[in-house]
Amino acid sequence: MRNLRLFRVLLLLVMGILWAGHSQAQDAAKEKPSPAATATGKIGKATVTVAYSSPAVKGRAIWGGLVPYGQVWRAGANEATTFTTDQPLTVEGKTLAAGTYALFVLPTEKQWTIIFNKTAKQWGAFKYDEKQDALRVPVTPRKAASMAERLVYEVTPQGLVLRWENQEALITLK
């Protein structure tokens, strides 16, 4: 009788462990809400890499909504987006030294300020410190040719393109 009770307890324990492992495997298979993404390319001799988390629109108003106008935005989701160049670059006509920076955007309806901040490792923009800005440049967003459900960055021969929802901005790099 005692052996039977012990057997049942052990059987339940083993079944519980197997069920818990199966549930975790199911969670791992689900797509992350804002998966990690990277955009890399050459601008002249420089290799440029943007590392970011790519949130989705999911039916939300992005510009002026989820990303409020007049507030510094982390330019992605989760940790701050990082911008790395292995050579000095000219960004919208201003010099940016080689290095890794947190990339932020300060959007308004008509113009965005692109911010390269010296504190690359940050969670979002919660501890953003303007005193650590290496460079700020203005860019003019435009209506994108098509709707982008996920935030995407693209390094092109002209520079860095940020595209999300129905807006895009080209940050000229040389």
C-alpha atoms as a PDB file:
ATOM      1  CA  MET A   1       0.000   0.000   0.000  1.00  0.00           C
ATOM      2  CA  ARG A   2       2.773   2.403   0.976  1.00  0.00           C
ATOM      3  CA  ASN A   3       4.733   1.516  -2.180  1.00  0.00           C
ATOM      4  CA  LEU A   4       1.672   2.183  -4.316  1.00  0.00           C
ATOM      5  CA  ARG A   5       1.216   5.636  -2.722  1.00  0.00           C
ATOM      6  CA  LEU A   6       4.917   6.443  -3.258  1.00  0.00           C
ATOM      7  CA  PHE A   7       4.640   5.270  -6.875  1.00  0.00           C
ATOM      8  CA  ARG A   8       1.654   7.571  -7.485  1.00  0.00           C
ATOM      9  CA  VAL A   9       3.449  10.566  -5.960  1.00  0.00           C
ATOM     10  CA  LEU A  10       6.540   9.917  -8.094  1.00  0.00           C
ATOM     11  CA  LEU A  11       4.396   9.433 -11.199  1.00  0.00           C
ATOM     12  CA  LEU A  12       2.602  12.751 -10.595  1.00  0.00           C
ATOM     13  CA  LEU A  13       5.940  14.470 -10.014  1.00  0.00           C
ATOM     14  CA  VAL A  14       7.393  13.127 -13.271  1.00  0.00           C
ATOM     15  CA  MET A  15       4.254  14.075 -15.199  1.00  0.00           C
ATOM     16  CA  GLY A  16       4.378  17.594 -13.715  1.00  0.00           C
ATOM     17  CA  ILE A  17       8.011  18.038 -14.751  1.00  0.00           C
ATOM     18  CA  LEU A  18       7.278  16.821 -18.284  1.00  0.00           C
ATOM     19  CA  TRP A  19       4.234  19.113 -18.583  1.00  0.00           C
ATOM     20  CA  ALA A  20       6.227  22.152 -17.340  1.00  0.00           C
ATOM     21  CA  GLY A  21       8.990  21.461 -19.861  1.00  0.00           C
ATOM     22  CA  HIS A  22       6.450  21.161 -22.658  1.00  0.00           C
ATOM     23  CA  SER A  23       4.814  24.503 -21.735  1.00  0.00           C
ATOM     24  CA  GLN A  24       8.171  26.280 -21.728  1.00  0.00           C
ATOM     25  CA  ALA A  25       8.954  24.838 -25.152  1.00  0.00           C
ATOM     26  CA  GLN A  26       5.639  26.219 -26.428  1.00  0.00           C
ATOM     27  CA  ASP A  27       6.468  29.698 -25.056  1.00  0.00           C
ATOM     28  CA  ALA A  28       9.912  29.615 -26.669  1.00  0.00           C
ATOM     29  CA  ALA A  29       8.336  28.837 -30.049  1.00  0.00           C
ATOM     30  CA  LYS A  30       6.122  31.956 -29.922  1.00  0.00           C
ATOM     31  CA  GLU A  31       7.402  35.032 -31.723  1.00  0.00           C
ATOM     32  CA  LYS A  32       8.722  37.767 -29.467  1.00  0.00           C
ATOM     33  CA  PRO A  33       6.654  40.983 -29.527  1.00  0.00           C
ATOM     34  CA  SER A  34       9.727  43.036 -30.515  1.00  0.00           C
ATOM     35  CA  PRO A  35      12.366  40.678 -31.939  1.00  0.00           C
ATOM     36  CA  ALA A  36      16.013  41.725 -32.114  1.00  0.00           C
ATOM     37  CA  ALA A  37      17.165  42.924 -35.532  1.00  0.00           C
ATOM     38  CA  THR A  38      20.348  44.280 -37.090  1.00  0.00           C
ATOM     39  CA  ALA A  39      21.040  46.429 -40.146  1.00  0.00           C
ATOM     40  CA  THR A  40      24.604  46.502 -41.451  1.00  0.00           C
ATOM     41  CA  GLY A  41      26.192  48.088 -44.484  1.00  0.00           C
ATOM     42  CA  LYS A  42      29.057  50.097 -45.899  1.00  0.00           C
ATOM     43  CA  ILE A  43      29.143  53.875 -46.142  1.00  0.00           C
ATOM     44  CA  GLY A  44      32.356  54.616 -48.005  1.00  0.00           C
ATOM     45  CA  LYS A  45      35.062  52.772 -46.026  1.00  0.00           C
ATOM     46  CA  ALA A  46      32.988  52.657 -42.837  1.00  0.00           C
ATOM     47  CA  THR A  47      30.997  49.648 -41.706  1.00  0.00           C
ATOM     48  CA  VAL A  48      27.796  50.798 -40.019  1.00  0.00           C
ATOM     49  CA  THR A  49      25.662  48.553 -37.798  1.00  0.00           C
ATOM     50  CA  VAL A  50      22.360  49.380 -36.163  1.00  0.00           C
ATOM     51  CA  ALA A  51      21.154  46.924 -33.486  1.00  0.00           C
ATOM     52  CA  TYR A  52      17.552  47.325 -32.353  1.00  0.00           C
ATOM     53  CA  SER A  53      14.380  45.594 -31.241  1.00  0.00           C
ATOM     54  CA  SER A  54      11.677  45.765 -33.906  1.00  0.00           C
ATOM     55  CA  PRO A  55       8.200  46.508 -32.525  1.00  0.00           C
ATOM     56  CA  ALA A  56       5.058  46.068 -34.613  1.00  0.00           C
ATOM     57  CA  VAL A  57       2.289  48.557 -35.354  1.00  0.00           C
ATOM     58  CA  LYS A  58      -0.502  46.136 -34.290  1.00  0.00           C
ATOM     59  CA  GLY A  59      -3.192  48.605 -35.377  1.00  0.00           C
ATOM     60  CA  ARG A  60      -1.857  51.407 -33.162  1.00  0.00           C
ATOM     61  CA  ALA A  61      -1.165  55.017 -34.132  1.00  0.00           C
ATOM     62  CA  ILE A  62       2.623  55.253 -33.960  1.00  0.00           C
ATOM     63  CA  TRP A  63       3.781  58.824 -34.670  1.00  0.00           C
ATOM     64  CA  GLY A  64       2.188  61.185 -32.192  1.00  0.00           C
ATOM     65  CA  GLY A  65       0.611  58.168 -30.425  1.00  0.00           C
ATOM     66  CA  LEU A  66       2.779  55.287 -29.214  1.00  0.00           C
ATOM     67  CA  VAL A  67       5.804  57.480 -30.009  1.00  0.00           C
ATOM     68  CA  PRO A  68       4.716  60.879 -28.645  1.00  0.00           C
ATOM     69  CA  TYR A  69       5.778  64.069 -30.369  1.00  0.00           C
ATOM     70  CA  GLY A  70       8.231  66.198 -28.395  1.00  0.00           C
ATOM     71  CA  GLN A  71       9.671  63.314 -26.321  1.00  0.00           C
ATOM     72  CA  VAL A  72      12.950  61.431 -26.770  1.00  0.00           C
ATOM     73  CA  TRP A  73      12.275  57.918 -28.098  1.00  0.00           C
ATOM     74  CA  ARG A  74      14.683  54.955 -27.904  1.00  0.00           C
ATOM     75  CA  ALA A  75      14.331  54.371 -31.671  1.00  0.00           C
ATOM     76  CA  GLY A  76      13.128  50.805 -31.152  1.00  0.00           C
ATOM     77  CA  ALA A  77      11.849  48.692 -28.271  1.00  0.00           C
ATOM     78  CA  ASN A  78      13.436  47.355 -25.083  1.00  0.00           C
ATOM     79  CA  GLU A  79      17.072  48.469 -24.804  1.00  0.00           C
ATOM     80  CA  ALA A  80      18.104  51.637 -26.597  1.00  0.00           C
ATOM     81  CA  THR A  81      18.963  51.147 -30.260  1.00  0.00           C
ATOM     82  CA  THR A  82      22.720  51.221 -30.897  1.00  0.00           C
ATOM     83  CA  PHE A  83      24.562  52.723 -33.850  1.00  0.00           C
ATOM     84  CA  THR A  84      28.142  51.570 -34.470  1.00  0.00           C
ATOM     85  CA  THR A  85      30.639  52.869 -37.016  1.00  0.00           C
ATOM     86  CA  ASP A  86      34.234  51.700 -37.315  1.00  0.00           C
ATOM     87  CA  GLN A  87      35.298  54.912 -39.091  1.00  0.00           C
ATOM     88  CA  PRO A  88      34.428  58.588 -38.564  1.00  0.00           C
ATOM     89  CA  LEU A  89      31.360  59.643 -40.579  1.00  0.00           C
ATOM     90  CA  THR A  90      29.643  62.813 -41.670  1.00  0.00           C
ATOM     91  CA  VAL A  91      26.020  62.736 -40.495  1.00  0.00           C
ATOM     92  CA  GLU A  92      23.831  65.355 -42.155  1.00  0.00           C
ATOM     93  CA  GLY A  93      27.019  67.384 -42.721  1.00  0.00           C
ATOM     94  CA  LYS A  94      28.347  67.067 -39.140  1.00  0.00           C
ATOM     95  CA  THR A  95      31.240  64.851 -37.990  1.00  0.00           C
ATOM     96  CA  LEU A  96      30.639  61.776 -35.829  1.00  0.00           C
ATOM     97  CA  ALA A  97      33.682  59.927 -34.448  1.00  0.00           C
ATOM     98  CA  ALA A  98      34.022  56.159 -34.815  1.00  0.00           C
ATOM     99  CA  GLY A  99      32.338  54.302 -31.949  1.00  0.00           C
ATOM    100  CA  THR A 100      29.118  52.887 -30.588  1.00  0.00           C
ATOM    101  CA  TYR A 101      26.283  55.202 -29.618  1.00  0.00           C
ATOM    102  CA  ALA A 102      22.724  54.947 -28.356  1.00  0.00           C
ATOM    103  CA  LEU A 103      20.477  56.162 -31.170  1.00  0.00           C
ATOM    104  CA  PHE A 104      17.482  58.256 -30.121  1.00  0.00           C
ATOM    105  CA  VAL A 105      14.841  60.186 -32.047  1.00  0.00           C
ATOM    106  CA  LEU A 106      13.035  63.321 -30.888  1.00  0.00           C
ATOM    107  CA  PRO A 107      10.068  63.444 -33.284  1.00  0.00           C
ATOM    108  CA  THR A 108       7.709  66.292 -34.073  1.00  0.00           C
ATOM    109  CA  GLU A 109       5.107  66.380 -36.839  1.00  0.00           C
ATOM    110  CA  LYS A 110       7.378  68.219 -39.303  1.00  0.00           C
ATOM    111  CA  GLN A 111      10.948  67.423 -38.204  1.00  0.00           C
ATOM    112  CA  TRP A 112      12.822  64.784 -36.230  1.00  0.00           C
ATOM    113  CA  THR A 113      16.042  65.279 -34.294  1.00  0.00           C
ATOM    114  CA  ILE A 114      18.336  62.265 -34.553  1.00  0.00           C
ATOM    115  CA  ILE A 115      20.500  61.903 -31.441  1.00  0.00           C
ATOM    116  CA  PHE A 116      23.759  59.957 -31.100  1.00  0.00           C
ATOM    117  CA  ASN A 117      24.368  59.545 -27.357  1.00  0.00           C
ATOM    118  CA  LYS A 118      27.703  58.416 -25.877  1.00  0.00           C
ATOM    119  CA  THR A 119      26.011  56.098 -23.337  1.00  0.00           C
ATOM    120  CA  ALA A 120      25.364  53.166 -25.674  1.00  0.00           C
ATOM    121  CA  LYS A 121      24.087  50.643 -23.108  1.00  0.00           C
ATOM    122  CA  GLN A 122      20.776  51.968 -21.777  1.00  0.00           C
ATOM    123  CA  TRP A 123      17.338  50.521 -21.131  1.00  0.00           C
ATOM    124  CA  GLY A 124      15.064  52.566 -23.329  1.00  0.00           C
ATOM    125  CA  ALA A 125      15.314  56.323 -22.893  1.00  0.00           C
ATOM    126  CA  PHE A 126      14.463  56.315 -19.194  1.00  0.00           C
ATOM    127  CA  LYS A 127      17.889  57.547 -18.073  1.00  0.00           C
ATOM    128  CA  TYR A 128      18.638  59.530 -21.221  1.00  0.00           C
ATOM    129  CA  ASP A 129      21.073  62.366 -20.442  1.00  0.00           C
ATOM    130  CA  GLU A 130      21.307  65.133 -23.023  1.00  0.00           C
ATOM    131  CA  LYS A 131      24.781  66.039 -21.664  1.00  0.00           C
ATOM    132  CA  GLN A 132      26.027  62.728 -23.119  1.00  0.00           C
ATOM    133  CA  ASP A 133      24.949  63.579 -26.674  1.00  0.00           C
ATOM    134  CA  ALA A 134      27.794  63.295 -29.165  1.00  0.00           C
ATOM    135  CA  LEU A 135      25.711  64.691 -32.021  1.00  0.00           C
ATOM    136  CA  ARG A 136      22.193  65.940 -32.808  1.00  0.00           C
ATOM    137  CA  VAL A 137      21.009  66.428 -36.376  1.00  0.00           C
ATOM    138  CA  PRO A 138      17.629  67.392 -37.851  1.00  0.00           C
ATOM    139  CA  VAL A 139      15.952  65.286 -40.555  1.00  0.00           C
ATOM    140  CA  THR A 140      12.627  65.653 -42.301  1.00  0.00           C
ATOM    141  CA  PRO A 141      10.407  62.556 -42.264  1.00  0.00           C
ATOM    142  CA  ARG A 142       8.299  61.712 -45.281  1.00  0.00           C
ATOM    143  CA  LYS A 143       5.414  59.444 -46.109  1.00  0.00           C
ATOM    144  CA  ALA A 144       6.705  55.947 -46.842  1.00  0.00           C
ATOM    145  CA  ALA A 145       5.906  54.282 -50.171  1.00  0.00           C
ATOM    146  CA  SER A 146       4.176  51.464 -48.286  1.00  0.00           C
ATOM    147  CA  MET A 147       3.114  50.665 -44.754  1.00  0.00           C
ATOM    148  CA  ALA A 148       5.802  49.002 -42.606  1.00  0.00           C
ATOM    149  CA  GLU A 149       4.193  46.818 -39.908  1.00  0.00           C
ATOM    150  CA  ARG A 150       7.541  46.424 -38.124  1.00  0.00           C
ATOM    151  CA  LEU A 151      10.160  49.055 -37.413  1.00  0.00           C
ATOM    152  CA  VAL A 152      13.032  48.567 -39.842  1.00  0.00           C
ATOM    153  CA  TYR A 153      16.407  50.202 -40.386  1.00  0.00           C
ATOM    154  CA  GLU A 154      18.280  49.938 -43.668  1.00  0.00           C
ATOM    155  CA  VAL A 155      21.845  51.027 -44.445  1.00  0.00           C
ATOM    156  CA  THR A 156      21.962  52.318 -48.027  1.00  0.00           C
ATOM    157  CA  PRO A 157      24.716  54.064 -50.020  1.00  0.00           C
ATOM    158  CA  GLN A 158      23.013  57.387 -49.106  1.00  0.00           C
ATOM    159  CA  GLY A 159      22.777  56.696 -45.377  1.00  0.00           C
ATOM    160  CA  LEU A 160      20.486  55.167 -42.794  1.00  0.00           C
ATOM    161  CA  VAL A 161      16.755  54.806 -43.409  1.00  0.00           C
ATOM    162  CA  LEU A 162      14.353  54.455 -40.459  1.00  0.00           C
ATOM    163  CA  ARG A 163      10.934  53.167 -41.597  1.00  0.00           C
ATOM    164  CA  TRP A 164       7.866  52.372 -39.486  1.00  0.00           C
ATOM    165  CA  GLU A 165       4.132  52.575 -40.009  1.00  0.00           C
ATOM    166  CA  ASN A 166       3.580  55.172 -42.755  1.00  0.00           C
ATOM    167  CA  GLN A 167       6.706  57.301 -42.118  1.00  0.00           C
ATOM    168  CA  GLU A 168      10.358  57.082 -43.059  1.00  0.00           C
ATOM    169  CA  ALA A 169      13.398  59.253 -42.613  1.00  0.00           C
ATOM    170  CA  LEU A 170      16.744  59.205 -44.388  1.00  0.00           C
ATOM    171  CA  ILE A 171      19.729  60.137 -42.224  1.00  0.00           C
ATOM    172  CA  THR A 172      22.430  61.135 -44.710  1.00  0.00           C
ATOM    173  CA  LEU A 173      25.804  59.503 -43.953  1.00  0.00           C
ATOM    174  CA  LYS A 174      29.091  60.011 -45.823  1.00  0.00           C
END
